[in-house]
Amino acid sequence: MKYLNLIVLVLLCCSSLVYAQEENNSGYTMKTNTREIEADFLSSYYQQDGNNGAVTGGIGTEELQDFANIFTVNIPLDSINSIGIYSGADYYTSASTDAIDNNRSSASSKDIRAFGTLSYTRLNPKRGETYSIKGGFSAEYDYTSMSGGLSYTKEWNEGNSEFTISGQAFIDQWQLFFPRELRNKVNVPTTNRQSYNGQILFSQILSKRLQMGLSAEVIYMNGLLSTPFHRVYFADNSQHDIERLPNTRLKLPLGVRLNYYPFDQLVLRTYYRYYYDDFGINAHSFEIETPIKIGEQLTVSPFYRYHTQTASTYFAPYQTHLSTQNFYTSDYDLSALDSHKYGISIKYNPLYGLVRTKPFFKSNRVFMIKYIEARFANYNRSTGLNAAIGSLNIGFSIK
């Protein structure tokens, strides 16, 4: 609980700082909405393989391919009100989940997930405040989720200081699929899951070339937290079972971000996160990205991320758990591991856009393709899992 108390203390201190600065904010008016409608289309492909499939008890293939498309749009209604849309779908094929039925042609070898979120944002320029509310959904063959959230942002110190507090809730429902040989032999206490997220963010421009950000988050989960088609094999019993985990989980991530501009053509973006949860995992993550401007239109950004974590109290490899234990999993996502992610992003962003046209509008508005960005990454984990990711992001606007 000491980590939770620390986050609460940070929240109180940041809140006090915001309201202490309230009187000094009277001369500052924050930026309001323009008429510009902005949109992004992101398409990505992900593939992985490994030999620790959780569906087969920590052994076997982890082969998976995923093709995803995401569309986001921000529509200003006037100078202070706007609507945001975030939606998409992804299609995956998975040899590991196909092992639920031990049948390469079964329905579990592939699926489509659809998701969407609608948000409303209102500004109070004189007070430097932003209010937002959102609701969303996600659905796939065995899982549906509904979500809702609120956020509040305060700017002061001529916009150089910013504080955000937000909360979100997810109400989820499982459709139970057990391994074929265990059907009618096992059960779980509930098919529901609830997750509650609270986050605080504080950002500060320290100088012309240095910016800082601090974040603290509390995540509480309740309900069915295990995956009902993950198998577990025991050292003392020839009869195996499904994964069993506690019905509550508390996660506490803390983050620090520093952006430094040594000169106009280069940015050093760094991020560190500490993570704790009551499943027994402690983790550290470090990221660095160095966008380099090549001329006025092209930006090349190499990046690297390192992550290390301890194993969950409930994790053990294949045929290592004892059947007398209350909780057990052989999902290597909960194992002790180190991982490395590295790659490069290339963004082409001409001053007047790639394409400007007015063929579809009778008004004076102009449709523009603003930029195009390609991103490539490799991911390697000490457990033997390897993955490759490629994505293409296109930015649009209507002015």
Protein backbone atom coordinates (compact mmCIF):
# COMPACT_ATOMS: atom_id res chain seq x y z
CA MET A 1 0.00 0.00 0.00
CA LYS A 2 3.00 2.32 0.33
CA TYR A 3 2.97 2.84 -3.47
CA LEU A 4 -0.72 3.72 -3.42
CA ASN A 5 -0.10 6.22 -0.61
CA LEU A 6 2.73 7.76 -2.64
CA ILE A 7 0.48 8.27 -5.65
CA VAL A 8 -2.24 9.82 -3.49
CA LEU A 9 0.39 12.21 -2.02
CA VAL A 10 1.56 13.22 -5.50
CA LEU A 11 -2.06 13.81 -6.54
CA LEU A 12 -2.71 16.06 -3.55
CA CYS A 13 0.49 18.03 -4.09
CA CYS A 14 -0.21 18.56 -7.79
CA SER A 15 -3.80 19.58 -7.06
CA SER A 16 -2.61 22.11 -4.49
CA LEU A 17 -0.12 23.49 -6.99
CA VAL A 18 -2.83 23.91 -9.63
CA TYR A 19 -5.15 25.86 -7.35
CA ALA A 20 -2.28 27.86 -5.87
CA GLN A 21 -1.54 29.11 -9.38
CA GLU A 22 -5.20 29.94 -10.08
CA GLU A 23 -4.82 33.62 -9.19
CA ASN A 24 -1.79 33.96 -11.45
CA ASN A 25 -3.67 32.64 -14.46
CA SER A 26 -6.01 35.60 -15.00
CA GLY A 27 -3.82 37.14 -17.72
CA TYR A 28 -3.47 33.97 -19.76
CA THR A 29 -5.94 32.74 -22.38
CA MET A 30 -5.35 29.27 -23.73
CA LYS A 31 -5.44 28.34 -27.40
CA THR A 32 -8.93 27.62 -28.77
CA ASN A 33 -10.17 25.37 -31.59
CA THR A 34 -9.68 26.34 -35.21
CA ARG A 35 -12.02 25.29 -38.04
CA GLU A 36 -9.59 22.56 -39.09
CA ILE A 37 -10.84 18.95 -38.99
CA GLU A 38 -7.92 16.60 -38.36
CA ALA A 39 -7.82 12.87 -39.03
CA ASP A 40 -5.30 10.02 -39.01
CA PHE A 41 -5.39 6.60 -40.63
CA LEU A 42 -3.01 3.98 -39.23
CA SER A 43 -2.49 0.57 -40.79
CA SER A 44 -0.12 -1.95 -39.19
CA TYR A 45 1.06 -5.53 -39.49
CA TYR A 46 2.44 -7.56 -36.57
CA GLN A 47 3.85 -11.06 -36.49
CA GLN A 48 5.43 -13.09 -33.72
CA ASP A 49 6.67 -16.57 -32.93
CA GLY A 50 8.05 -18.37 -29.91
CA ASN A 51 7.91 -21.67 -28.03
CA ASN A 52 6.02 -20.86 -24.83
CA GLY A 53 2.36 -20.90 -25.85
CA ALA A 54 0.11 -20.34 -22.82
CA VAL A 55 -2.75 -22.25 -24.46
CA THR A 56 -0.64 -25.41 -24.36
CA GLY A 57 0.70 -24.89 -20.83
CA GLY A 58 3.86 -22.89 -21.51
CA ILE A 59 5.21 -25.02 -24.36
CA GLY A 60 4.40 -25.00 -28.06
CA THR A 61 4.07 -22.31 -30.69
CA GLU A 62 3.26 -18.66 -30.03
CA GLU A 63 2.84 -17.94 -33.75
CA LEU A 64 0.47 -15.04 -34.45
CA GLN A 65 -0.18 -12.52 -37.22
CA ASP A 66 -2.29 -9.41 -36.79
CA PHE A 67 -3.39 -6.84 -39.37
CA ALA A 68 -4.93 -3.70 -37.84
CA ASN A 69 -6.50 -0.51 -39.18
CA ILE A 70 -7.30 2.49 -36.97
CA PHE A 71 -9.02 5.75 -37.83
CA THR A 72 -9.08 8.85 -35.60
CA VAL A 73 -10.73 12.19 -36.27
CA ASN A 74 -11.15 15.41 -34.30
CA ILE A 75 -14.08 17.62 -35.35
CA PRO A 76 -14.31 21.15 -33.88
CA LEU A 77 -17.92 22.25 -33.41
CA ASP A 78 -16.88 25.81 -32.60
CA SER A 79 -13.98 27.55 -30.84
CA ILE A 80 -14.47 25.66 -27.54
CA ASN A 81 -16.37 22.42 -28.32
CA SER A 82 -15.15 19.41 -30.29
CA ILE A 83 -15.92 15.75 -30.92
CA GLY A 84 -13.36 12.97 -31.29
CA ILE A 85 -13.79 9.57 -32.93
CA TYR A 86 -11.41 6.65 -32.48
CA SER A 87 -12.35 3.42 -34.26
CA GLY A 88 -10.88 0.45 -36.01
CA ALA A 89 -10.67 -3.28 -36.50
CA ASP A 90 -7.96 -5.89 -36.58
CA TYR A 91 -7.84 -9.37 -38.04
CA TYR A 92 -5.57 -12.01 -36.57
CA THR A 93 -4.60 -15.61 -37.21
CA SER A 94 -3.08 -17.57 -34.35
CA ALA A 95 -1.64 -21.07 -34.28
CA SER A 96 -1.44 -20.91 -30.48
CA THR A 97 -5.12 -20.14 -29.82
CA ASP A 98 -6.03 -22.74 -32.42
CA ALA A 99 -4.71 -25.27 -29.89
CA ILE A 100 -7.86 -24.69 -27.80
CA ASP A 101 -9.43 -27.37 -30.01
CA ASN A 102 -6.20 -28.97 -31.24
CA ASN A 103 -7.58 -28.47 -34.73
CA ARG A 104 -5.79 -26.30 -37.28
CA SER A 105 -9.05 -25.46 -39.07
CA SER A 106 -11.05 -24.51 -35.96
CA ALA A 107 -12.75 -21.13 -35.52
CA SER A 108 -10.28 -20.11 -32.81
CA SER A 109 -7.43 -19.93 -35.33
CA LYS A 110 -8.63 -16.52 -36.55
CA ASP A 111 -10.85 -13.65 -35.44
CA ILE A 112 -11.81 -10.04 -36.07
CA ARG A 113 -11.89 -7.46 -33.28
CA ALA A 114 -13.83 -4.21 -33.76
CA PHE A 115 -13.61 -1.21 -31.44
CA GLY A 116 -14.62 2.42 -31.21
CA THR A 117 -14.62 5.40 -28.86
CA LEU A 118 -16.59 8.67 -29.06
CA SER A 119 -15.43 11.67 -27.01
CA TYR A 120 -16.62 15.21 -26.34
CA THR A 121 -14.25 18.00 -25.26
CA ARG A 122 -15.03 21.50 -24.00
CA LEU A 123 -12.53 24.31 -23.36
CA ASN A 124 -12.64 27.16 -20.87
CA PRO A 125 -9.97 29.45 -22.40
CA LYS A 126 -10.05 32.15 -19.72
CA ARG A 127 -9.46 29.65 -16.92
CA GLY A 128 -7.08 27.48 -18.96
CA GLU A 129 -9.24 24.39 -18.44
CA THR A 130 -10.29 21.46 -20.63
CA TYR A 131 -13.06 18.97 -19.81
CA SER A 132 -13.60 15.71 -21.66
CA ILE A 133 -15.99 12.76 -21.54
CA LYS A 134 -15.84 9.58 -23.63
CA GLY A 135 -17.49 6.21 -24.14
CA GLY A 136 -16.40 3.18 -26.12
CA PHE A 137 -16.78 -0.49 -26.97
CA SER A 138 -14.72 -3.44 -28.16
CA ALA A 139 -15.92 -6.84 -29.36
CA GLU A 140 -14.40 -10.10 -30.57
CA TYR A 141 -15.55 -13.71 -30.69
CA ASP A 142 -15.18 -14.45 -26.96
CA TYR A 143 -14.96 -11.00 -25.37
CA THR A 144 -16.96 -7.76 -25.27
CA SER A 145 -16.09 -4.56 -23.45
CA MET A 146 -17.84 -1.26 -22.75
CA SER A 147 -15.94 1.75 -21.40
CA GLY A 148 -16.45 5.29 -20.17
CA GLY A 149 -14.14 8.02 -18.96
CA LEU A 150 -13.72 11.60 -17.74
CA SER A 151 -10.71 13.93 -17.77
CA TYR A 152 -9.82 17.43 -16.59
CA THR A 153 -6.80 19.48 -17.72
CA LYS A 154 -5.50 22.74 -16.25
CA GLU A 155 -2.95 25.05 -17.93
CA TRP A 156 -1.19 27.94 -16.23
CA ASN A 157 2.10 29.83 -16.23
CA GLU A 158 1.48 31.09 -19.78
CA GLY A 159 0.77 27.53 -20.89
CA ASN A 160 4.18 26.26 -19.73
CA SER A 161 2.63 24.15 -16.94
CA GLU A 162 -0.11 21.58 -17.39
CA PHE A 163 -1.89 19.16 -15.05
CA THR A 164 -4.34 16.42 -16.10
CA ILE A 165 -6.42 14.06 -14.00
CA SER A 166 -8.46 11.35 -15.68
CA GLY A 167 -10.48 8.26 -14.85
CA GLN A 168 -11.83 5.42 -16.93
CA ALA A 169 -13.90 2.27 -16.33
CA PHE A 170 -14.13 -0.89 -18.44
CA ILE A 171 -16.99 -3.36 -18.03
CA ASP A 172 -16.13 -6.63 -19.76
CA GLN A 173 -17.91 -9.91 -20.46
CA TRP A 174 -16.28 -13.24 -21.38
CA GLN A 175 -17.93 -15.88 -23.52
CA LEU A 176 -16.31 -18.97 -22.04
CA PHE A 177 -14.23 -21.27 -24.24
CA PHE A 178 -12.37 -24.05 -22.41
CA PRO A 179 -9.83 -26.46 -23.89
CA ARG A 180 -11.67 -29.26 -25.67
CA GLU A 181 -10.67 -32.06 -23.30
CA LEU A 182 -11.64 -30.04 -20.18
CA ARG A 183 -15.13 -28.97 -21.25
CA ASN A 184 -17.81 -30.08 -18.77
CA LYS A 185 -15.00 -30.75 -16.25
CA VAL A 186 -13.97 -27.22 -15.23
CA ASN A 187 -15.71 -23.96 -14.44
CA VAL A 188 -14.97 -20.41 -13.30
CA PRO A 189 -16.83 -18.32 -10.68
CA THR A 190 -17.78 -15.46 -13.02
CA THR A 191 -17.73 -14.39 -16.67
CA ASN A 192 -17.40 -10.66 -15.83
CA ARG A 193 -14.43 -8.35 -15.44
CA GLN A 194 -14.29 -4.72 -14.32
CA SER A 195 -11.26 -2.44 -14.60
CA TYR A 196 -10.94 1.05 -13.10
CA ASN A 197 -8.18 3.44 -14.16
CA GLY A 198 -7.10 6.66 -12.48
CA GLN A 199 -4.21 8.75 -13.82
CA ILE A 200 -2.51 12.04 -13.08
CA LEU A 201 -0.10 13.79 -15.46
CA PHE A 202 2.01 16.88 -14.86
CA SER A 203 4.11 18.49 -17.59
CA GLN A 204 6.41 21.49 -17.34
CA ILE A 205 8.51 23.44 -19.83
CA LEU A 206 11.70 23.98 -17.82
CA SER A 207 13.56 25.98 -20.43
CA LYS A 208 13.59 26.69 -24.14
CA ARG A 209 15.24 23.31 -24.75
CA LEU A 210 14.03 21.09 -21.88
CA GLN A 211 10.57 19.71 -21.08
CA MET A 212 9.55 17.34 -18.28
CA GLY A 213 6.53 15.12 -17.64
CA LEU A 214 5.51 13.09 -14.57
CA SER A 215 2.75 10.46 -14.46
CA ALA A 216 1.16 8.24 -11.83
CA GLU A 217 -1.55 5.68 -12.39
CA VAL A 218 -3.74 3.35 -10.32
CA ILE A 219 -5.43 0.39 -12.03
CA TYR A 220 -7.80 -1.88 -10.12
CA MET A 221 -9.24 -5.01 -11.75
CA ASN A 222 -11.95 -7.32 -10.46
CA GLY A 223 -13.63 -10.46 -11.82
CA LEU A 224 -12.32 -13.14 -14.19
CA LEU A 225 -8.65 -12.18 -14.58
CA SER A 226 -7.42 -15.54 -15.84
CA THR A 227 -7.82 -16.70 -19.45
CA PRO A 228 -10.18 -19.71 -19.46
CA PHE A 229 -8.50 -21.54 -22.37
CA HIS A 230 -4.93 -21.42 -20.98
CA ARG A 231 -3.81 -24.86 -19.78
CA VAL A 232 -1.61 -25.64 -16.75
CA TYR A 233 0.23 -28.96 -16.31
CA PHE A 234 1.37 -30.16 -12.87
CA ALA A 235 4.45 -31.87 -11.46
CA ASP A 236 2.44 -34.06 -9.04
CA ASN A 237 -0.68 -34.91 -11.05
CA SER A 238 -1.24 -36.25 -14.55
CA GLN A 239 -4.57 -34.40 -14.77
CA HIS A 240 -4.12 -30.82 -16.00
CA ASP A 241 -6.33 -27.78 -15.38
CA ILE A 242 -7.04 -24.30 -16.73
CA GLU A 243 -5.19 -21.21 -15.55
CA ARG A 244 -6.36 -19.96 -12.13
CA LEU A 245 -5.60 -16.44 -10.87
CA PRO A 246 -6.97 -14.20 -8.07
CA ASN A 247 -10.13 -12.25 -8.85
CA THR A 248 -8.58 -8.85 -8.00
CA ARG A 249 -5.43 -7.12 -9.18
CA LEU A 250 -3.84 -3.76 -8.37
CA LYS A 251 -1.35 -2.14 -10.77
CA LEU A 252 0.70 0.97 -10.00
CA PRO A 253 2.83 2.48 -12.82
CA LEU A 254 4.93 5.63 -12.26
CA GLY A 255 6.61 7.44 -15.14
CA VAL A 256 9.07 10.26 -15.89
CA ARG A 257 9.53 11.82 -19.34
CA LEU A 258 12.28 14.25 -20.41
CA ASN A 259 12.54 15.88 -23.85
CA TYR A 260 15.71 17.80 -24.64
CA TYR A 261 16.41 19.89 -27.76
CA PRO A 262 20.23 20.23 -28.05
CA PHE A 263 19.72 22.07 -31.36
CA ASP A 264 16.89 22.70 -33.78
CA GLN A 265 17.40 19.59 -35.91
CA LEU A 266 17.50 17.05 -33.06
CA VAL A 267 15.29 16.02 -30.13
CA LEU A 268 16.20 13.56 -27.37
CA ARG A 269 13.03 11.99 -26.02
CA THR A 270 13.49 9.78 -22.98
CA TYR A 271 11.00 7.95 -20.78
CA TYR A 272 11.34 5.78 -17.67
CA ARG A 273 8.54 3.80 -16.02
CA TYR A 274 8.45 1.81 -12.79
CA TYR A 275 5.65 -0.74 -12.49
CA TYR A 276 4.35 -2.69 -9.48
CA ASP A 277 1.39 -5.01 -9.10
CA ASP A 278 0.12 -7.29 -6.37
CA PHE A 279 0.61 -10.37 -8.56
CA GLY A 280 4.26 -10.01 -7.52
CA ILE A 281 5.61 -8.27 -10.64
CA ASN A 282 8.09 -5.39 -10.40
CA ALA A 283 9.22 -3.92 -13.71
CA HIS A 284 11.40 -1.17 -15.15
CA SER A 285 11.12 0.24 -18.67
CA PHE A 286 13.36 2.75 -20.41
CA GLU A 287 12.75 4.33 -23.83
CA ILE A 288 14.74 6.71 -25.98
CA GLU A 289 13.81 8.21 -29.34
CA THR A 290 15.91 10.70 -31.30
CA PRO A 291 13.96 12.50 -34.08
CA ILE A 292 16.42 14.07 -36.53
CA LYS A 293 15.19 16.65 -39.05
CA ILE A 294 16.69 16.26 -42.50
CA GLY A 295 15.80 19.45 -44.29
CA GLU A 296 12.38 21.02 -43.74
CA GLN A 297 10.24 18.06 -44.75
CA LEU A 298 11.80 14.79 -43.57
CA THR A 299 12.24 13.50 -40.01
CA VAL A 300 14.03 10.23 -39.21
CA SER A 301 13.54 8.84 -35.69
CA PRO A 302 15.53 5.85 -34.39
CA PHE A 303 14.11 4.44 -31.15
CA TYR A 304 14.89 1.82 -28.52
CA ARG A 305 12.99 0.39 -25.54
CA TYR A 306 14.33 -1.87 -22.78
CA HIS A 307 12.05 -3.66 -20.32
CA THR A 308 12.82 -5.99 -17.42
CA GLN A 309 10.47 -7.60 -14.92
CA THR A 310 10.34 -10.13 -12.11
CA ALA A 311 8.05 -13.15 -12.32
CA SER A 312 4.55 -13.21 -10.91
CA THR A 313 4.05 -15.17 -7.69
CA TYR A 314 1.64 -17.40 -9.62
CA PHE A 315 3.89 -18.25 -12.59
CA ALA A 316 5.77 -21.49 -13.16
CA PRO A 317 6.83 -23.32 -16.35
CA TYR A 318 5.30 -26.47 -17.82
CA GLN A 319 4.80 -29.33 -15.32
CA THR A 320 6.26 -27.33 -12.43
CA HIS A 321 3.17 -26.20 -10.50
CA LEU A 322 1.67 -28.36 -7.74
CA SER A 323 -2.00 -29.22 -8.04
CA THR A 324 -2.50 -28.25 -4.38
CA GLN A 325 -1.84 -24.59 -5.13
CA ASN A 326 -4.78 -22.17 -5.24
CA PHE A 327 -3.48 -20.11 -8.17
CA TYR A 328 -1.27 -21.02 -11.12
CA THR A 329 -0.36 -19.92 -14.64
CA SER A 330 2.23 -20.85 -17.26
CA ASP A 331 1.70 -17.69 -19.31
CA TYR A 332 5.20 -16.34 -20.03
CA ASP A 333 3.87 -12.77 -20.12
CA LEU A 334 3.91 -13.15 -16.30
CA SER A 335 7.40 -14.68 -16.17
CA ALA A 336 10.71 -13.03 -15.33
CA LEU A 337 12.00 -11.57 -18.58
CA ASP A 338 14.03 -8.93 -20.37
CA SER A 339 12.96 -7.48 -23.71
CA HIS A 340 14.38 -5.17 -26.36
CA LYS A 341 12.41 -3.22 -28.95
CA TYR A 342 14.24 -1.17 -31.55
CA GLY A 343 13.44 0.36 -34.88
CA ILE A 344 13.07 3.51 -36.93
CA SER A 345 10.34 5.92 -38.00
CA ILE A 346 10.45 7.99 -41.21
CA LYS A 347 8.04 10.93 -41.52
CA TYR A 348 7.52 13.08 -44.59
CA ASN A 349 5.72 16.31 -43.69
CA PRO A 350 5.83 19.06 -46.36
CA LEU A 351 4.87 22.57 -45.25
CA TYR A 352 1.85 22.69 -47.58
CA GLY A 353 1.03 18.99 -47.43
CA LEU A 354 1.42 16.15 -49.91
CA VAL A 355 -1.93 16.72 -51.61
CA ARG A 356 -4.27 19.73 -51.57
CA THR A 357 -7.61 19.62 -53.34
CA LYS A 358 -11.21 20.88 -53.29
CA PRO A 359 -13.11 18.45 -55.53
CA PHE A 360 -15.54 17.10 -52.94
CA PHE A 361 -16.60 20.31 -51.21
CA LYS A 362 -18.72 23.21 -52.39
CA SER A 363 -17.35 25.51 -49.70
CA ASN A 364 -13.95 27.18 -49.60
CA ARG A 365 -12.54 24.38 -47.48
CA VAL A 366 -9.45 22.50 -48.65
CA PHE A 367 -8.81 18.79 -48.16
CA MET A 368 -5.14 18.05 -47.50
CA ILE A 369 -2.98 15.00 -46.91
CA LYS A 370 -0.63 16.55 -44.36
CA TYR A 371 2.01 13.85 -43.80
CA ILE A 372 2.89 10.21 -44.19
CA GLU A 373 4.88 8.21 -41.66
CA ALA A 374 6.31 4.69 -41.84
CA ARG A 375 7.49 2.86 -38.72
CA PHE A 376 9.38 -0.43 -38.42
CA ALA A 377 10.39 -2.29 -35.26
CA ASN A 378 11.76 -5.59 -34.01
CA TYR A 379 10.97 -7.05 -30.60
CA ASN A 380 13.06 -9.71 -28.86
CA ARG A 381 12.32 -11.27 -25.49
CA SER A 382 14.59 -13.39 -23.31
CA THR A 383 11.92 -16.12 -23.22
CA GLY A 384 12.50 -16.72 -26.95
CA LEU A 385 9.59 -14.73 -28.36
CA ASN A 386 10.47 -12.62 -31.41
CA ALA A 387 8.23 -10.19 -33.26
CA ALA A 388 8.30 -7.70 -36.15
CA ILE A 389 6.01 -4.70 -36.56
CA GLY A 390 5.45 -2.41 -39.51
CA SER A 391 2.98 0.48 -39.71
CA LEU A 392 1.93 3.28 -42.04
CA ASN A 393 0.29 6.44 -40.69
CA ILE A 394 -1.33 9.07 -42.95
CA GLY A 395 -2.50 12.42 -41.56
CA PHE A 396 -5.38 14.37 -43.15
CA SER A 397 -7.07 17.69 -42.57
CA ILE A 398 -9.96 19.77 -43.91
CA LYS A 399 -9.37 23.50 -43.53
